[in-house]
N, C-alpha and C. Protein backbone atom coordinates (compact mmCIF):
# COMPACT_ATOMS: atom_id res chain seq x y z
N UNK A 1 -75.19 207.98 193.64
CA UNK A 1 -75.56 208.92 194.68
C UNK A 1 -75.70 208.22 196.02
N UNK A 2 -76.29 207.03 196.05
CA UNK A 2 -76.45 206.28 197.29
C UNK A 2 -75.11 205.86 197.88
N UNK A 3 -74.10 205.60 197.00
CA UNK A 3 -72.78 205.20 197.49
C UNK A 3 -72.15 206.30 198.33
N UNK A 4 -72.33 207.54 197.93
CA UNK A 4 -71.79 208.67 198.67
C UNK A 4 -72.47 208.77 200.03
N UNK A 5 -73.77 208.63 200.06
CA UNK A 5 -74.53 208.73 201.31
C UNK A 5 -74.18 207.62 202.28
N UNK A 6 -73.95 206.41 201.77
CA UNK A 6 -73.68 205.29 202.66
C UNK A 6 -72.28 205.36 203.26
N UNK A 7 -71.34 206.05 202.61
CA UNK A 7 -69.98 206.16 203.14
C UNK A 7 -69.80 207.38 204.04
N UNK A 8 -70.76 208.26 204.06
CA UNK A 8 -70.67 209.46 204.88
C UNK A 8 -71.19 209.16 206.28
N UNK A 9 -70.36 209.52 207.28
CA UNK A 9 -70.79 209.30 208.67
C UNK A 9 -71.27 210.62 209.25
N UNK A 10 -72.22 210.51 210.11
CA UNK A 10 -72.76 211.70 210.76
C UNK A 10 -72.09 211.86 212.12
N UNK A 11 -72.03 213.11 212.61
CA UNK A 11 -71.41 213.41 213.89
C UNK A 11 -72.03 212.60 215.02
N UNK A 12 -73.33 212.47 215.00
CA UNK A 12 -73.99 211.76 216.09
C UNK A 12 -73.72 210.25 216.07
N UNK A 13 -73.17 209.77 214.95
CA UNK A 13 -72.84 208.35 214.85
C UNK A 13 -71.42 208.02 215.33
N UNK A 14 -70.67 209.05 215.71
CA UNK A 14 -69.32 208.81 216.22
C UNK A 14 -69.37 208.01 217.51
N UNK A 15 -68.38 207.19 217.71
CA UNK A 15 -68.26 206.42 218.94
C UNK A 15 -68.19 207.38 220.14
N UNK A 16 -68.81 207.01 221.24
CA UNK A 16 -68.85 207.86 222.44
C UNK A 16 -67.45 208.20 222.93
N UNK A 17 -66.54 207.24 222.87
CA UNK A 17 -65.17 207.50 223.33
C UNK A 17 -64.49 208.58 222.50
N UNK A 18 -64.76 208.60 221.21
CA UNK A 18 -64.19 209.63 220.34
C UNK A 18 -64.80 210.99 220.67
N UNK A 19 -66.11 211.02 220.86
CA UNK A 19 -66.76 212.28 221.24
C UNK A 19 -66.21 212.80 222.57
N UNK A 20 -66.00 211.93 223.53
CA UNK A 20 -65.45 212.34 224.83
C UNK A 20 -64.06 212.94 224.64
N UNK A 21 -63.23 212.30 223.81
CA UNK A 21 -61.88 212.83 223.53
C UNK A 21 -61.97 214.23 222.93
N UNK A 22 -62.90 214.43 222.02
CA UNK A 22 -63.09 215.75 221.41
C UNK A 22 -63.57 216.74 222.46
N UNK A 23 -64.54 216.35 223.27
CA UNK A 23 -65.10 217.24 224.28
C UNK A 23 -64.09 217.58 225.38
N UNK A 24 -63.08 216.74 225.58
CA UNK A 24 -62.04 217.04 226.56
C UNK A 24 -61.22 218.25 226.15
N UNK A 25 -61.25 218.59 224.87
CA UNK A 25 -60.52 219.76 224.38
C UNK A 25 -61.28 221.06 224.61
N UNK A 26 -62.54 220.97 225.00
CA UNK A 26 -63.36 222.15 225.22
C UNK A 26 -63.18 222.69 226.63
N UNK A 27 -63.36 224.00 226.78
CA UNK A 27 -63.32 224.55 228.13
C UNK A 27 -64.71 224.44 228.76
N UNK A 28 -64.81 224.82 230.01
CA UNK A 28 -66.06 224.66 230.75
C UNK A 28 -67.21 225.42 230.10
N UNK A 29 -66.94 226.63 229.61
CA UNK A 29 -68.00 227.43 228.99
C UNK A 29 -68.53 226.74 227.73
N UNK A 30 -67.63 226.20 226.93
CA UNK A 30 -68.04 225.50 225.71
C UNK A 30 -68.80 224.21 226.05
N UNK A 31 -68.31 223.52 227.05
CA UNK A 31 -68.93 222.24 227.44
C UNK A 31 -70.34 222.43 228.00
N UNK A 32 -70.58 223.56 228.64
CA UNK A 32 -71.89 223.82 229.25
C UNK A 32 -72.77 224.72 228.39
N UNK A 33 -72.32 225.04 227.19
CA UNK A 33 -73.05 226.00 226.35
C UNK A 33 -74.23 225.40 225.60
N UNK A 34 -74.42 224.11 225.68
CA UNK A 34 -75.58 223.52 225.02
C UNK A 34 -75.25 222.37 224.10
N UNK A 35 -73.98 221.96 224.05
CA UNK A 35 -73.65 220.85 223.15
C UNK A 35 -74.31 219.55 223.59
N UNK A 36 -74.69 219.47 224.85
CA UNK A 36 -75.39 218.27 225.33
C UNK A 36 -76.79 218.17 224.74
N UNK A 37 -77.28 219.26 224.16
CA UNK A 37 -78.63 219.28 223.60
C UNK A 37 -78.64 219.04 222.08
N UNK A 38 -77.46 218.82 221.49
CA UNK A 38 -77.39 218.61 220.05
C UNK A 38 -78.11 217.32 219.65
N UNK A 39 -77.80 216.25 220.34
CA UNK A 39 -78.46 214.96 220.09
C UNK A 39 -78.20 214.05 221.28
N UNK A 40 -78.87 212.92 221.31
CA UNK A 40 -78.74 212.03 222.47
C UNK A 40 -77.33 211.46 222.61
N UNK A 41 -76.65 211.21 221.50
CA UNK A 41 -75.28 210.69 221.57
C UNK A 41 -74.33 211.71 222.19
N UNK A 42 -74.53 212.98 221.85
CA UNK A 42 -73.69 214.03 222.42
C UNK A 42 -74.02 214.22 223.90
N UNK A 43 -75.27 214.03 224.26
CA UNK A 43 -75.66 214.13 225.67
C UNK A 43 -74.97 213.04 226.50
N UNK A 44 -74.96 211.83 225.98
CA UNK A 44 -74.29 210.73 226.66
C UNK A 44 -72.80 211.04 226.83
N UNK A 45 -72.17 211.54 225.76
CA UNK A 45 -70.74 211.88 225.83
C UNK A 45 -70.48 213.02 226.81
N UNK A 46 -71.37 214.00 226.84
CA UNK A 46 -71.21 215.14 227.77
C UNK A 46 -71.32 214.73 229.23
N UNK A 47 -71.97 213.64 229.49
CA UNK A 47 -72.15 213.16 230.87
C UNK A 47 -71.07 212.16 231.28
N UNK A 48 -70.12 211.92 230.42
CA UNK A 48 -69.07 210.95 230.74
C UNK A 48 -68.23 211.43 231.93
N UNK A 49 -67.99 210.58 232.91
CA UNK A 49 -67.23 210.97 234.11
C UNK A 49 -65.82 211.48 233.82
N UNK A 50 -65.21 211.07 232.71
CA UNK A 50 -63.87 211.56 232.37
C UNK A 50 -63.84 213.07 232.19
N UNK A 51 -64.96 213.64 231.74
CA UNK A 51 -65.03 215.08 231.54
C UNK A 51 -65.22 215.85 232.84
N UNK A 52 -65.61 215.15 233.89
CA UNK A 52 -66.04 215.84 235.10
C UNK A 52 -65.27 215.47 236.36
N UNK A 53 -64.11 214.87 236.23
CA UNK A 53 -63.32 214.57 237.43
C UNK A 53 -62.98 215.85 238.19
N UNK A 54 -62.63 216.88 237.43
CA UNK A 54 -62.28 218.17 238.02
C UNK A 54 -63.15 219.25 237.43
N UNK A 55 -63.76 220.05 238.29
CA UNK A 55 -64.52 221.21 237.85
C UNK A 55 -63.63 222.43 238.09
N UNK A 56 -63.03 222.92 237.03
CA UNK A 56 -62.07 224.02 237.12
C UNK A 56 -62.77 225.34 236.84
N UNK A 57 -63.00 226.09 237.90
CA UNK A 57 -63.64 227.40 237.80
C UNK A 57 -62.61 228.51 237.99
N UNK A 58 -61.34 228.21 237.77
CA UNK A 58 -60.27 229.18 238.01
C UNK A 58 -60.31 230.36 237.05
N UNK A 59 -61.02 230.23 235.94
CA UNK A 59 -61.11 231.34 235.00
C UNK A 59 -62.22 232.33 235.38
N UNK A 60 -63.03 231.96 236.36
CA UNK A 60 -64.12 232.84 236.80
C UNK A 60 -63.65 233.73 237.94
N UNK A 61 -64.01 235.00 237.84
CA UNK A 61 -63.76 235.94 238.91
C UNK A 61 -65.04 236.72 239.15
N UNK A 62 -65.27 237.06 240.38
CA UNK A 62 -66.47 237.84 240.72
C UNK A 62 -66.18 239.32 240.60
N UNK A 63 -67.16 240.06 240.13
CA UNK A 63 -67.11 241.52 240.23
C UNK A 63 -67.69 241.87 241.58
N UNK A 64 -66.85 242.36 242.47
CA UNK A 64 -67.33 242.63 243.82
C UNK A 64 -66.74 243.92 244.37
N UNK A 65 -67.39 244.42 245.40
CA UNK A 65 -66.94 245.61 246.11
C UNK A 65 -66.85 245.24 247.58
N UNK A 66 -65.72 245.54 248.20
CA UNK A 66 -65.59 245.30 249.63
C UNK A 66 -66.32 246.41 250.37
N UNK A 67 -67.06 246.03 251.40
CA UNK A 67 -67.79 246.99 252.22
C UNK A 67 -67.45 246.74 253.69
N UNK A 68 -67.55 247.78 254.53
CA UNK A 68 -67.13 247.64 255.93
C UNK A 68 -68.09 246.85 256.82
N UNK A 69 -69.32 246.68 256.42
CA UNK A 69 -70.31 245.97 257.23
C UNK A 69 -70.61 244.60 256.64
N UNK A 70 -71.22 243.74 257.47
CA UNK A 70 -71.61 242.43 256.95
C UNK A 70 -72.52 242.59 255.75
N UNK A 71 -72.37 241.84 254.75
CA UNK A 71 -71.56 240.63 254.56
C UNK A 71 -70.12 240.93 254.13
N UNK A 72 -69.67 242.17 254.21
CA UNK A 72 -68.30 242.61 253.93
C UNK A 72 -67.93 242.60 252.46
N UNK A 73 -68.82 242.14 251.63
CA UNK A 73 -68.57 242.17 250.20
C UNK A 73 -69.91 242.23 249.47
N UNK A 74 -69.95 243.04 248.42
CA UNK A 74 -71.13 243.10 247.56
C UNK A 74 -70.72 242.50 246.22
N UNK A 75 -71.39 241.44 245.82
CA UNK A 75 -71.07 240.76 244.56
C UNK A 75 -72.07 241.19 243.50
N UNK A 76 -71.53 241.58 242.36
CA UNK A 76 -72.35 241.95 241.22
C UNK A 76 -73.29 240.79 240.88
N UNK A 77 -74.56 241.10 240.69
CA UNK A 77 -75.58 240.07 240.46
C UNK A 77 -75.27 239.22 239.22
N UNK A 78 -74.71 239.85 238.20
CA UNK A 78 -74.39 239.12 236.97
C UNK A 78 -73.31 238.06 237.23
N UNK A 79 -72.31 238.40 238.04
CA UNK A 79 -71.26 237.43 238.39
C UNK A 79 -71.85 236.27 239.16
N UNK A 80 -72.73 236.59 240.08
CA UNK A 80 -73.37 235.58 240.92
C UNK A 80 -74.22 234.63 240.08
N UNK A 81 -75.00 235.18 239.16
CA UNK A 81 -75.86 234.36 238.31
C UNK A 81 -75.05 233.49 237.36
N UNK A 82 -73.94 234.02 236.86
CA UNK A 82 -73.08 233.26 235.96
C UNK A 82 -72.51 232.03 236.67
N UNK A 83 -72.04 232.22 237.91
CA UNK A 83 -71.51 231.10 238.68
C UNK A 83 -72.61 230.08 238.98
N UNK A 84 -73.77 230.55 239.40
CA UNK A 84 -74.88 229.65 239.71
C UNK A 84 -75.27 228.83 238.49
N UNK A 85 -75.35 229.47 237.34
CA UNK A 85 -75.70 228.79 236.09
C UNK A 85 -74.67 227.71 235.75
N UNK A 86 -73.39 228.07 235.82
CA UNK A 86 -72.34 227.10 235.52
C UNK A 86 -72.36 225.92 236.48
N UNK A 87 -72.58 226.20 237.76
CA UNK A 87 -72.64 225.13 238.75
C UNK A 87 -73.80 224.19 238.47
N UNK A 88 -74.98 224.75 238.20
CA UNK A 88 -76.16 223.92 237.96
C UNK A 88 -75.98 223.03 236.73
N UNK A 89 -75.51 223.60 235.64
CA UNK A 89 -75.32 222.82 234.41
C UNK A 89 -74.23 221.78 234.61
N UNK A 90 -73.12 222.18 235.20
CA UNK A 90 -72.00 221.25 235.42
C UNK A 90 -72.40 220.10 236.33
N UNK A 91 -73.09 220.41 237.40
CA UNK A 91 -73.49 219.36 238.34
C UNK A 91 -74.53 218.43 237.71
N UNK A 92 -75.36 218.96 236.85
CA UNK A 92 -76.35 218.14 236.15
C UNK A 92 -75.66 217.18 235.17
N UNK A 93 -74.71 217.71 234.41
CA UNK A 93 -74.01 216.88 233.42
C UNK A 93 -73.06 215.88 234.06
N UNK A 94 -72.48 216.25 235.19
CA UNK A 94 -71.45 215.41 235.81
C UNK A 94 -72.00 214.16 236.46
N UNK A 95 -73.27 214.15 236.78
CA UNK A 95 -73.89 212.97 237.43
C UNK A 95 -73.10 212.54 238.67
N UNK A 96 -72.72 213.51 239.49
CA UNK A 96 -72.01 213.29 240.76
C UNK A 96 -70.64 212.66 240.59
N UNK A 97 -69.95 212.95 239.50
CA UNK A 97 -68.61 212.38 239.31
C UNK A 97 -67.48 213.38 239.55
N UNK A 98 -67.81 214.59 240.01
CA UNK A 98 -66.78 215.60 240.29
C UNK A 98 -66.05 215.23 241.58
N UNK A 99 -64.73 215.15 241.47
CA UNK A 99 -63.90 214.82 242.63
C UNK A 99 -63.15 216.04 243.16
N UNK A 100 -62.87 217.01 242.27
CA UNK A 100 -62.07 218.17 242.63
C UNK A 100 -62.73 219.45 242.10
N UNK A 101 -62.78 220.46 242.96
CA UNK A 101 -63.25 221.79 242.57
C UNK A 101 -62.08 222.75 242.65
N UNK A 102 -61.91 223.57 241.62
CA UNK A 102 -60.86 224.58 241.63
C UNK A 102 -61.52 225.94 241.46
N UNK A 103 -61.26 226.83 242.42
CA UNK A 103 -61.81 228.18 242.40
C UNK A 103 -60.68 229.20 242.29
N UNK A 104 -60.94 230.31 241.61
CA UNK A 104 -60.02 231.44 241.62
C UNK A 104 -60.17 232.14 242.96
N UNK A 105 -59.09 232.69 243.50
CA UNK A 105 -59.19 233.32 244.82
C UNK A 105 -60.03 234.59 244.81
N UNK A 106 -60.31 235.15 243.63
CA UNK A 106 -61.20 236.31 243.53
C UNK A 106 -62.61 235.92 243.08
N UNK A 107 -62.96 234.68 243.30
CA UNK A 107 -64.32 234.23 243.00
C UNK A 107 -65.06 234.10 244.31
N UNK A 108 -66.09 234.89 244.47
CA UNK A 108 -66.90 234.82 245.69
C UNK A 108 -67.96 233.74 245.49
N UNK A 109 -67.90 232.74 246.35
CA UNK A 109 -68.87 231.64 246.31
C UNK A 109 -69.72 231.75 247.56
N UNK A 110 -71.02 231.91 247.38
CA UNK A 110 -71.93 232.06 248.53
C UNK A 110 -72.09 230.72 249.25
N UNK A 111 -72.57 230.80 250.47
CA UNK A 111 -72.84 229.58 251.24
C UNK A 111 -73.86 228.69 250.51
N UNK A 112 -74.87 229.32 249.92
CA UNK A 112 -75.89 228.56 249.18
C UNK A 112 -75.29 227.82 247.99
N UNK A 113 -74.41 228.50 247.25
CA UNK A 113 -73.78 227.87 246.10
C UNK A 113 -72.87 226.72 246.53
N UNK A 114 -72.16 226.92 247.62
CA UNK A 114 -71.27 225.87 248.12
C UNK A 114 -72.06 224.67 248.63
N UNK A 115 -73.15 224.94 249.33
CA UNK A 115 -74.01 223.87 249.83
C UNK A 115 -74.63 223.10 248.67
N UNK A 116 -75.13 223.81 247.66
CA UNK A 116 -75.72 223.18 246.48
C UNK A 116 -74.70 222.27 245.80
N UNK A 117 -73.47 222.74 245.70
CA UNK A 117 -72.41 221.97 245.05
C UNK A 117 -72.06 220.73 245.87
N UNK A 118 -72.02 220.87 247.17
CA UNK A 118 -71.65 219.76 248.05
C UNK A 118 -72.72 218.67 248.08
N UNK A 119 -73.96 219.04 247.95
CA UNK A 119 -75.05 218.06 248.01
C UNK A 119 -75.08 217.25 246.74
């Protein structure tokens, strides 16, 4: 019985480079969904700069209504919160290693969100 246990490897014992390779196959939603909280080894892998060179938000679109007066657009609160959440988690995990941001042209990014991202 002990022989079986000693030959079995646990996920958290995988080499960080292997975990990073696996995590590179995940999309942004999967990467920010909480896998960094599984264990400390996964947290280290989730913070690897290779995963965060580019923050691709092209799959996100805002639910918005154009209006004739300032601010000229009303963004659905749920869309706004979703973007803010993704930005906060991504920026926390990336440890300032993001070099490129990609936005969908129908994604409304507020000045506050852009400033937060830039800082």
